[in-house]
Amino acid sequence: MGWFVGQGFSANGWTDFWAGNRVNTWMKPDLYMDLGRAMERSGFDYMMLEDASLIPDTFNGSMETYLKYGMSAPKNDPVTLVPLVGHVTSRLGIIATITTSFYHPFMAARLMSSLDHITDGRVGANLVTAHSPRGAQNYGRPALAEHDTRYRMAREWVQVADQLWNSWEDGAVLGDLETPRLVDHTKVHTIDFEGEFFSSRGPLNTIPSPQRRPVICQAGGSPAGREFAAEVADTIIAGGKSVEAMKSYRDDITERMLRFGRNPTDCKVLMTANPVLGETNEEAREKKRRQQAENDDKLDYFLAALSYTTAIDMGKFDLDAPLPDGLTTDGAQSILTDIQRIANGRTLREIAIGPKDADSALFVGTPDAVASMMGDIIDESGADGFLLGNPIDRRSVSEITDGLMPALQRRGLVRDHYEHALFRDNLLAF
């Protein structure tokens, strides 16, 4: 089980009734530290911190809607949360988002090793290739590389980082007070990497961390993304909209991993979920209906979100007509593919707001009912677990960690204690 902290360390959700005074406190770490404590208490594998280093302006060519709602901005760098959450937990994995298009692999390898030391071996890196040209422009580049080229870059990026993480041999650190001799220089090596996109002399100038290589997370949806994830990832997040889609995705990743000579059980595939919980099933369905009704008043919000993720301005299309055929993107291709697949004659307005049938939505009910449904879906799909995307407020956190997780524990579906100290070991243990 994981929890996706959507929009990272930001003001997202600042208007929610249960958000407290987030308009003035979103930039402080307390909520995320509380979240980490609650997640560890209830047996989660990891917290995943989203990030993007831009203020979007895809929708209507303006930053207005994004800043109006606090969507993706303003935000702090979520990497700063890793040592703070790590300080108040002892077993929870903490995954920070790293952009292979903007972070040089030496910088990232050193940062991740340092954080892995600080957290005693509980760090992961969610590797993304970025999908907005505005991010590239913030780093002095006129545009992003083409979609599949970005994944070729990411593959080489991992090669460099892996060589840097292994540039110190086991036993290089002597700590000999008599000689004195701290490090055996014959066991520390340059990597002298010269590739198509990156070069680095090495070695890394910090010692190997407890995990040596942090847990690698990926959200590969397109064919190029799936191939990259199957080759390098320890955990993959995917957005299956149905049991059939989840099974198809897991089967596809399994086949790709086998081609790379990897054991498919060595990579945990988590499907995204947003459970809506109530004390009765009807209360939960009514709660879901209220959420869906509220969406009608935030049409610009959802259009802006679609615009950002697809890198296509949805403001230029007729709201009450189907989405035009033949749309392509160099942004998040899997998101656009999902939208086109579920469109099925729906208007853009209907696509943006989402379905109205609360009775047919997945994961709506009492904690026991949702836990049972989750168990059944895992059995049918072959997926390994779920990445929750629920809002981060204290009510939501309590519903999940004190309601849903105990229900899952009673069914033996999630751990009731951690067996290991290192993140990767715990991820593979269950």
Protein backbone atom coordinates (compact mmCIF):
# COMPACT_ATOMS: atom_id res chain seq x y z
CA MET A 1 0.00 0.00 0.00
CA GLY A 2 1.19 3.46 -0.88
CA TRP A 3 -0.17 6.99 -0.63
CA PHE A 4 0.31 9.45 -3.48
CA VAL A 5 0.79 12.96 -2.14
CA GLY A 6 -0.61 14.62 -5.24
CA GLN A 7 0.78 18.03 -6.19
CA GLY A 8 3.53 17.44 -3.65
CA PHE A 9 4.36 19.97 -0.97
CA SER A 10 1.74 22.51 -2.07
CA ALA A 11 -1.39 24.48 -1.20
CA ASN A 12 -3.57 21.87 -2.91
CA GLY A 13 -6.88 21.39 -1.08
CA TRP A 14 -6.61 24.67 0.79
CA THR A 15 -10.38 25.34 0.46
CA ASP A 16 -11.52 21.96 1.82
CA PHE A 17 -13.60 22.10 5.00
CA TRP A 18 -11.28 19.70 6.83
CA ALA A 19 -8.07 21.30 5.57
CA GLY A 20 -7.75 23.63 8.54
CA ASN A 21 -5.99 26.92 7.90
CA ARG A 22 -3.92 25.63 5.00
CA VAL A 23 -3.98 28.95 3.20
CA ASN A 24 -1.46 30.12 5.81
CA THR A 25 0.19 26.83 6.77
CA TRP A 26 0.58 24.76 3.58
CA MET A 27 4.28 25.63 3.42
CA LYS A 28 4.95 23.98 6.78
CA PRO A 29 5.79 20.25 7.12
CA ASP A 30 3.57 19.31 10.09
CA LEU A 31 0.70 17.75 8.10
CA TYR A 32 3.06 15.52 6.13
CA MET A 33 4.91 14.47 9.27
CA ASP A 34 1.57 13.54 10.87
CA LEU A 35 0.65 11.64 7.70
CA GLY A 36 3.92 9.70 7.88
CA ARG A 37 3.32 8.71 11.50
CA ALA A 38 -0.22 7.51 10.74
CA MET A 39 0.87 5.60 7.64
CA GLU A 40 3.60 3.78 9.50
CA ARG A 41 1.29 2.97 12.40
CA SER A 42 -1.10 1.30 9.97
CA GLY A 43 1.46 -0.61 7.90
CA PHE A 44 1.84 1.30 4.61
CA ASP A 45 4.82 0.56 2.38
CA TYR A 46 5.48 4.07 1.15
CA MET A 47 4.55 7.70 0.77
CA MET A 48 5.13 9.08 -2.74
CA LEU A 49 5.72 12.81 -3.12
CA GLU A 50 4.75 14.28 -6.50
CA ASP A 51 6.61 17.26 -7.94
CA ALA A 52 6.83 19.58 -10.92
CA SER A 53 8.95 22.72 -11.21
CA LEU A 54 6.63 25.06 -13.09
CA ILE A 55 3.40 27.03 -12.91
CA PRO A 56 1.22 25.54 -15.68
CA ASP A 57 -0.46 27.72 -18.28
CA THR A 58 -1.75 25.13 -20.75
CA PHE A 59 -5.45 25.85 -20.20
CA ASN A 60 -6.48 28.95 -22.17
CA GLY A 61 -2.80 29.85 -22.41
CA SER A 62 -2.87 31.35 -18.91
CA MET A 63 -1.69 30.64 -15.37
CA GLU A 64 -5.00 32.05 -14.05
CA THR A 65 -6.96 28.85 -13.33
CA TYR A 66 -3.96 27.03 -11.89
CA LEU A 67 -3.17 29.84 -9.46
CA LYS A 68 -6.85 30.49 -8.72
CA TYR A 69 -7.26 26.96 -7.32
CA GLY A 70 -3.71 26.39 -6.15
CA MET A 71 -3.21 23.61 -8.73
CA SER A 72 0.45 22.52 -8.92
CA ALA A 73 1.47 25.92 -7.60
CA PRO A 74 2.44 27.43 -5.30
CA LYS A 75 4.53 24.56 -3.94
CA ASN A 76 7.78 23.95 -2.11
CA ASP A 77 10.37 21.40 -3.16
CA PRO A 78 9.01 18.15 -1.67
CA VAL A 79 12.48 16.62 -1.37
CA THR A 80 12.82 18.79 1.73
CA LEU A 81 10.08 16.68 3.37
CA VAL A 82 12.05 13.43 3.10
CA PRO A 83 14.34 13.89 6.13
CA LEU A 84 11.52 15.42 8.17
CA VAL A 85 9.11 12.54 7.55
CA GLY A 86 12.02 10.17 7.98
CA HIS A 87 12.79 11.68 11.37
CA VAL A 88 9.34 10.85 12.79
CA THR A 89 9.15 7.35 11.28
CA SER A 90 11.43 4.32 11.34
CA ARG A 91 10.14 1.90 8.68
CA LEU A 92 7.97 3.79 6.17
CA GLY A 93 9.44 4.19 2.69
CA ILE A 94 9.56 7.76 1.36
CA ILE A 95 9.67 8.27 -2.40
CA ALA A 96 10.66 11.65 -3.85
CA THR A 97 10.04 12.59 -7.48
CA ILE A 98 13.16 13.17 -9.56
CA THR A 99 13.01 14.41 -13.16
CA THR A 100 15.50 12.66 -15.41
CA SER A 101 15.13 15.46 -17.96
CA PHE A 102 16.38 18.15 -15.55
CA TYR A 103 18.37 16.51 -12.75
CA HIS A 104 21.87 15.50 -13.79
CA PRO A 105 22.40 11.88 -12.68
CA PHE A 106 25.40 12.82 -10.50
CA MET A 107 23.36 15.41 -8.61
CA ALA A 108 20.48 12.97 -8.13
CA ALA A 109 22.67 10.00 -7.18
CA ARG A 110 24.44 12.07 -4.53
CA LEU A 111 21.16 13.51 -3.21
CA MET A 112 19.46 10.11 -2.99
CA SER A 113 22.46 8.51 -1.29
CA SER A 114 22.55 11.33 1.24
CA LEU A 115 18.84 11.00 1.99
CA ASP A 116 19.15 7.22 2.23
CA HIS A 117 21.82 7.71 4.91
CA ILE A 118 19.66 10.22 6.77
CA THR A 119 16.63 7.89 6.78
CA ASP A 120 18.58 4.68 7.50
CA GLY A 121 17.76 3.15 4.13
CA ARG A 122 14.17 4.19 3.43
CA VAL A 123 14.39 6.39 0.34
CA GLY A 124 13.00 5.88 -3.14
CA ALA A 125 13.12 7.90 -6.35
CA ASN A 126 10.06 8.30 -8.58
CA LEU A 127 11.68 8.83 -11.97
CA VAL A 128 9.69 11.01 -14.36
CA THR A 129 10.68 12.40 -17.74
CA ALA A 130 8.52 15.58 -17.43
CA HIS A 131 5.78 16.48 -19.89
CA SER A 132 5.55 20.28 -19.97
CA PRO A 133 7.74 22.57 -22.10
CA ARG A 134 7.36 25.23 -19.38
CA GLY A 135 9.45 23.08 -17.05
CA ALA A 136 12.15 22.80 -19.69
CA GLN A 137 12.12 26.55 -20.20
CA ASN A 138 12.64 27.10 -16.46
CA TYR A 139 15.89 25.18 -16.84
CA GLY A 140 17.04 27.21 -19.82
CA ARG A 141 15.91 24.83 -22.56
CA PRO A 142 13.56 25.96 -25.33
CA ALA A 143 11.55 22.72 -25.31
CA LEU A 144 11.43 19.14 -24.06
CA ALA A 145 12.89 16.34 -26.08
CA GLU A 146 10.40 14.18 -27.99
CA HIS A 147 8.42 11.68 -25.84
CA ASP A 148 10.26 8.44 -26.67
CA THR A 149 13.60 10.24 -26.74
CA ARG A 150 12.98 11.32 -23.14
CA TYR A 151 12.68 7.65 -22.18
CA ARG A 152 15.94 6.84 -24.00
CA MET A 153 17.51 9.61 -21.96
CA ALA A 154 15.99 8.19 -18.78
CA ARG A 155 17.41 4.73 -19.51
CA GLU A 156 20.89 6.21 -19.92
CA TRP A 157 20.33 8.37 -16.82
CA VAL A 158 19.77 5.21 -14.76
CA GLN A 159 22.92 3.64 -16.20
CA VAL A 160 24.97 6.61 -15.02
CA ALA A 161 23.34 6.70 -11.59
CA ASP A 162 23.80 2.95 -11.10
CA GLN A 163 27.49 3.20 -11.95
CA LEU A 164 27.89 6.09 -9.51
CA TRP A 165 26.09 4.19 -6.73
CA ASN A 166 28.53 1.33 -7.36
CA SER A 167 31.68 3.43 -7.70
CA TRP A 168 32.70 2.46 -4.16
CA GLU A 169 33.47 -1.20 -3.52
CA ASP A 170 32.33 -3.01 -0.40
CA GLY A 171 34.95 -2.57 2.30
CA ALA A 172 36.25 0.75 0.93
CA VAL A 173 35.56 2.50 4.24
CA LEU A 174 38.19 1.37 6.74
CA GLY A 175 37.83 3.78 9.66
CA ASP A 176 41.29 2.72 10.84
CA LEU A 177 42.22 5.02 13.74
CA GLU A 178 45.70 3.54 14.19
CA THR A 179 47.13 4.27 10.73
CA PRO A 180 45.01 6.55 10.43
CA ARG A 181 43.18 5.65 7.24
CA LEU A 182 39.52 6.41 6.64
CA VAL A 183 39.09 5.08 3.08
CA ASP A 184 41.01 2.61 0.91
CA HIS A 185 41.47 4.63 -2.26
CA THR A 186 42.05 1.49 -4.36
CA LYS A 187 38.39 0.57 -3.83
CA VAL A 188 36.98 3.88 -5.10
CA HIS A 189 36.76 4.20 -8.88
CA THR A 190 35.91 6.72 -11.57
CA ILE A 191 33.16 5.64 -13.93
CA ASP A 192 34.25 7.73 -16.95
CA PHE A 193 30.83 7.51 -18.55
CA GLU A 194 30.38 9.07 -21.99
CA GLY A 195 26.94 8.48 -23.44
CA GLU A 196 24.56 9.95 -25.96
CA PHE A 197 22.93 12.32 -23.43
CA PHE A 198 25.06 12.29 -20.27
CA SER A 199 28.64 12.12 -19.18
CA SER A 200 30.18 11.82 -15.74
CA ARG A 201 33.65 11.12 -14.47
CA GLY A 202 32.71 9.96 -10.98
CA PRO A 203 33.20 8.54 -8.47
CA LEU A 204 30.38 9.57 -6.16
CA ASN A 205 31.88 11.61 -3.33
CA THR A 206 29.80 10.01 -0.59
CA ILE A 207 29.94 6.47 0.73
CA PRO A 208 27.42 3.79 -0.29
CA SER A 209 24.12 4.23 1.54
CA PRO A 210 22.25 1.47 3.41
CA GLN A 211 20.33 0.46 0.27
CA ARG A 212 23.16 1.55 -2.06
CA ARG A 213 20.55 1.92 -4.85
CA PRO A 214 17.32 3.59 -3.68
CA VAL A 215 13.98 2.00 -4.52
CA ILE A 216 13.08 3.05 -8.06
CA CYS A 217 9.45 3.97 -8.75
CA GLN A 218 7.97 4.58 -12.19
CA ALA A 219 4.56 5.40 -13.65
CA GLY A 220 5.04 4.01 -17.12
CA GLY A 221 1.81 4.14 -19.12
CA SER A 222 2.88 4.52 -22.76
CA PRO A 223 4.75 1.66 -24.48
CA ALA A 224 8.05 3.48 -23.96
CA GLY A 225 7.19 4.15 -20.32
CA ARG A 226 6.20 0.54 -19.67
CA GLU A 227 9.42 -0.70 -21.23
CA PHE A 228 11.48 1.63 -19.04
CA ALA A 229 9.53 0.67 -15.92
CA ALA A 230 9.86 -3.06 -16.61
CA GLU A 231 13.61 -2.67 -16.99
CA VAL A 232 14.51 -0.56 -13.96
CA ALA A 233 11.63 -0.16 -11.47
CA ASP A 234 11.12 -1.77 -8.07
CA THR A 235 7.55 -0.48 -7.92
CA ILE A 236 5.22 0.79 -10.64
CA ILE A 237 2.08 2.86 -10.27
CA ALA A 238 -0.71 2.51 -12.80
CA GLY A 239 -4.21 3.89 -13.23
CA GLY A 240 -6.38 0.90 -13.99
CA LYS A 241 -10.01 1.98 -14.49
CA SER A 242 -11.36 -1.58 -14.33
CA VAL A 243 -10.30 -5.04 -13.19
CA GLU A 244 -9.73 -5.98 -16.83
CA ALA A 245 -7.47 -2.97 -17.38
CA MET A 246 -5.51 -3.76 -14.21
CA LYS A 247 -5.00 -7.37 -15.26
CA SER A 248 -3.95 -6.35 -18.75
CA TYR A 249 -1.40 -3.90 -17.34
CA ARG A 250 0.07 -6.39 -14.83
CA ASP A 251 0.29 -9.09 -17.52
CA ASP A 252 2.02 -6.69 -19.89
CA ILE A 253 4.58 -5.62 -17.27
CA THR A 254 5.20 -9.27 -16.35
CA GLU A 255 5.92 -10.16 -19.98
CA ARG A 256 8.26 -7.18 -20.38
CA MET A 257 10.12 -7.96 -17.15
CA LEU A 258 10.67 -11.56 -18.27
CA ARG A 259 12.20 -10.28 -21.51
CA PHE A 260 14.65 -8.24 -19.40
CA GLY A 261 15.51 -11.36 -17.40
CA ARG A 262 13.82 -10.07 -14.27
CA ASN A 263 11.60 -11.90 -11.81
CA PRO A 264 8.15 -10.24 -12.07
CA THR A 265 7.62 -10.56 -8.31
CA ASP A 266 10.61 -8.25 -7.77
CA CYS A 267 8.55 -5.28 -8.93
CA LYS A 268 5.37 -4.33 -7.08
CA VAL A 269 2.63 -2.91 -9.30
CA LEU A 270 0.24 -0.62 -7.40
CA MET A 271 -3.05 0.51 -8.93
CA THR A 272 -4.37 3.97 -8.12
CA ALA A 273 -7.48 4.16 -5.95
CA ASN A 274 -9.50 6.86 -4.21
CA PRO A 275 -11.72 5.07 -1.69
CA VAL A 276 -14.77 6.89 -0.37
CA LEU A 277 -15.64 5.61 3.09
CA GLY A 278 -18.68 5.86 5.31
CA GLU A 279 -20.14 4.20 8.39
CA THR A 280 -22.69 2.56 6.08
CA ASN A 281 -22.53 1.78 2.38
CA GLU A 282 -25.34 4.25 1.70
CA GLU A 283 -23.53 7.00 3.61
CA ALA A 284 -20.45 6.41 1.47
CA ARG A 285 -22.51 6.47 -1.75
CA GLU A 286 -24.18 9.71 -0.69
CA LYS A 287 -20.73 11.17 0.06
CA LYS A 288 -19.60 10.14 -3.43
CA ARG A 289 -22.71 11.73 -4.97
CA ARG A 290 -21.97 14.99 -3.16
CA GLN A 291 -18.42 14.95 -4.50
CA GLN A 292 -19.70 14.37 -8.03
CA ALA A 293 -22.23 17.20 -7.70
CA GLU A 294 -19.54 19.57 -6.51
CA ASN A 295 -17.56 18.81 -9.66
CA ASP A 296 -20.18 20.65 -11.73
CA ASP A 297 -19.13 23.92 -10.10
CA LYS A 298 -15.44 23.36 -10.85
CA LEU A 299 -15.52 22.63 -14.56
CA ASP A 300 -12.60 24.99 -15.22
CA TYR A 301 -10.58 23.13 -12.58
CA PHE A 302 -11.00 19.78 -14.30
CA LEU A 303 -10.43 21.20 -17.77
CA ALA A 304 -7.23 22.82 -16.52
CA ALA A 305 -6.12 19.50 -14.99
CA LEU A 306 -6.78 17.66 -18.26
CA SER A 307 -4.93 20.36 -20.16
CA TYR A 308 -1.90 20.09 -17.92
CA THR A 309 -1.60 16.31 -17.96
CA THR A 310 -2.20 15.94 -21.71
CA ALA A 311 -0.33 19.13 -22.72
CA ILE A 312 -3.36 19.99 -24.89
CA ASP A 313 -5.40 23.15 -24.26
CA MET A 314 -8.91 21.86 -23.59
CA GLY A 315 -10.19 25.45 -23.58
CA LYS A 316 -10.18 25.56 -27.37
CA PHE A 317 -12.72 22.75 -27.84
CA ASP A 318 -16.53 22.79 -27.72
CA LEU A 319 -17.58 21.67 -24.22
CA ASP A 320 -20.78 20.07 -25.46
CA ALA A 321 -19.26 18.07 -28.29
CA PRO A 322 -17.10 14.95 -28.24
CA LEU A 323 -13.36 15.43 -28.07
CA PRO A 324 -11.98 15.75 -31.61
CA ASP A 325 -10.55 12.62 -33.22
CA GLY A 326 -6.86 12.29 -34.01
CA LEU A 327 -5.46 14.24 -31.07
CA THR A 328 -1.81 13.51 -30.35
CA THR A 329 0.52 14.77 -27.67
CA ASP A 330 4.16 14.85 -26.70
CA GLY A 331 3.01 15.10 -23.08
CA ALA A 332 1.53 12.29 -21.00
CA GLN A 333 0.49 9.95 -23.80
CA SER A 334 -1.09 7.33 -21.54
CA ILE A 335 -3.44 9.95 -20.04
CA LEU A 336 -4.63 11.03 -23.48
CA THR A 337 -5.06 7.38 -24.51
CA ASP A 338 -7.17 6.72 -21.40
CA ILE A 339 -9.35 9.74 -22.14
CA GLN A 340 -9.86 8.71 -25.74
CA ARG A 341 -10.70 5.14 -24.71
CA ILE A 342 -13.37 6.12 -22.18
CA ALA A 343 -14.78 9.00 -24.29
CA ASN A 344 -17.25 6.72 -26.13
CA GLY A 345 -19.28 9.62 -27.52
CA ARG A 346 -19.20 11.64 -24.30
CA THR A 347 -18.87 15.39 -24.54
CA LEU A 348 -15.78 17.14 -23.24
CA ARG A 349 -17.89 18.49 -20.36
CA GLU A 350 -18.85 14.92 -19.37
CA ILE A 351 -15.28 13.68 -19.67
CA ALA A 352 -13.94 16.51 -17.51
CA ILE A 353 -16.51 16.22 -14.73
CA GLY A 354 -16.58 12.44 -14.68
CA PRO A 355 -19.33 9.82 -14.26
CA LYS A 356 -22.42 10.49 -12.17
CA ASP A 357 -23.22 6.93 -11.08
CA ALA A 358 -21.99 6.64 -7.48
CA ASP A 359 -23.43 3.13 -7.19
CA SER A 360 -21.08 1.75 -9.84
CA ALA A 361 -17.90 3.50 -8.66
CA LEU A 362 -15.08 1.34 -7.30
CA PHE A 363 -14.15 1.47 -3.61
CA VAL A 364 -17.21 3.23 -2.20
CA GLY A 365 -18.59 1.82 1.06
CA THR A 366 -17.72 0.93 4.63
CA PRO A 367 -14.08 0.13 5.43
CA ASP A 368 -14.97 -3.58 5.56
CA ALA A 369 -16.79 -3.47 2.22
CA VAL A 370 -13.96 -1.60 0.50
CA ALA A 371 -11.32 -3.88 2.03
CA SER A 372 -13.19 -6.93 0.73
CA MET A 373 -13.47 -5.37 -2.71
CA MET A 374 -9.75 -4.54 -2.75
CA GLY A 375 -8.87 -8.11 -1.88
CA ASP A 376 -11.10 -9.49 -4.63
CA ILE A 377 -9.65 -7.11 -7.23
CA ILE A 378 -6.07 -8.01 -6.33
CA ASP A 379 -6.93 -11.70 -6.70
CA GLU A 380 -8.57 -11.14 -10.09
CA SER A 381 -6.08 -8.66 -11.55
CA GLY A 382 -2.74 -10.03 -10.33
CA ALA A 383 -1.72 -6.54 -9.22
CA ASP A 384 0.25 -6.23 -5.99
CA GLY A 385 -1.57 -3.43 -4.18
CA PHE A 386 -2.95 0.08 -4.32
CA LEU A 387 -1.64 3.63 -4.37
CA LEU A 388 -4.21 5.85 -2.68
CA GLY A 389 -4.78 9.33 -4.02
CA ASN A 390 -7.12 10.63 -1.33
CA PRO A 391 -6.88 14.26 -0.19
CA ILE A 392 -4.34 14.97 2.49
CA ASP A 393 -6.32 16.30 5.44
CA ARG A 394 -6.56 14.88 8.93
CA ARG A 395 -10.08 13.53 8.49
CA SER A 396 -9.13 11.64 5.33
CA VAL A 397 -5.94 10.35 6.92
CA SER A 398 -7.87 9.03 9.92
CA GLU A 399 -10.52 7.35 7.73
CA ILE A 400 -7.82 5.48 5.85
CA THR A 401 -5.28 4.68 8.57
CA ASP A 402 -7.77 3.99 11.39
CA GLY A 403 -10.61 2.59 9.26
CA LEU A 404 -9.58 1.01 5.97
CA MET A 405 -6.12 -0.26 6.92
CA PRO A 406 -7.30 -2.18 10.03
CA ALA A 407 -10.02 -3.77 7.88
CA LEU A 408 -7.35 -4.86 5.39
CA GLN A 409 -5.17 -6.15 8.25
CA ARG A 410 -8.02 -8.27 9.62
CA ARG A 411 -8.18 -9.99 6.24
CA GLY A 412 -4.42 -10.58 6.18
CA LEU A 413 -4.10 -8.35 3.11
CA VAL A 414 -1.60 -5.88 4.58
CA ARG A 415 1.06 -6.16 7.25
CA ASP A 416 0.49 -5.55 10.94
CA HIS A 417 4.23 -5.08 11.56
CA TYR A 418 7.38 -4.47 9.55
CA GLU A 419 9.80 -7.35 9.19
CA HIS A 420 12.81 -5.38 7.98
CA ALA A 421 14.68 -2.12 8.41
CA LEU A 422 15.27 -1.25 4.75
CA PHE A 423 12.56 0.04 2.41
CA ARG A 424 13.28 -2.41 -0.43
CA ASP A 425 13.23 -5.40 1.91
CA ASN A 426 9.84 -4.44 3.31
CA LEU A 427 8.48 -3.76 -0.17
CA LEU A 428 9.45 -7.27 -1.29
CA ALA A 429 8.41 -8.99 1.95
CA PHE A 430 4.65 -8.88 1.48
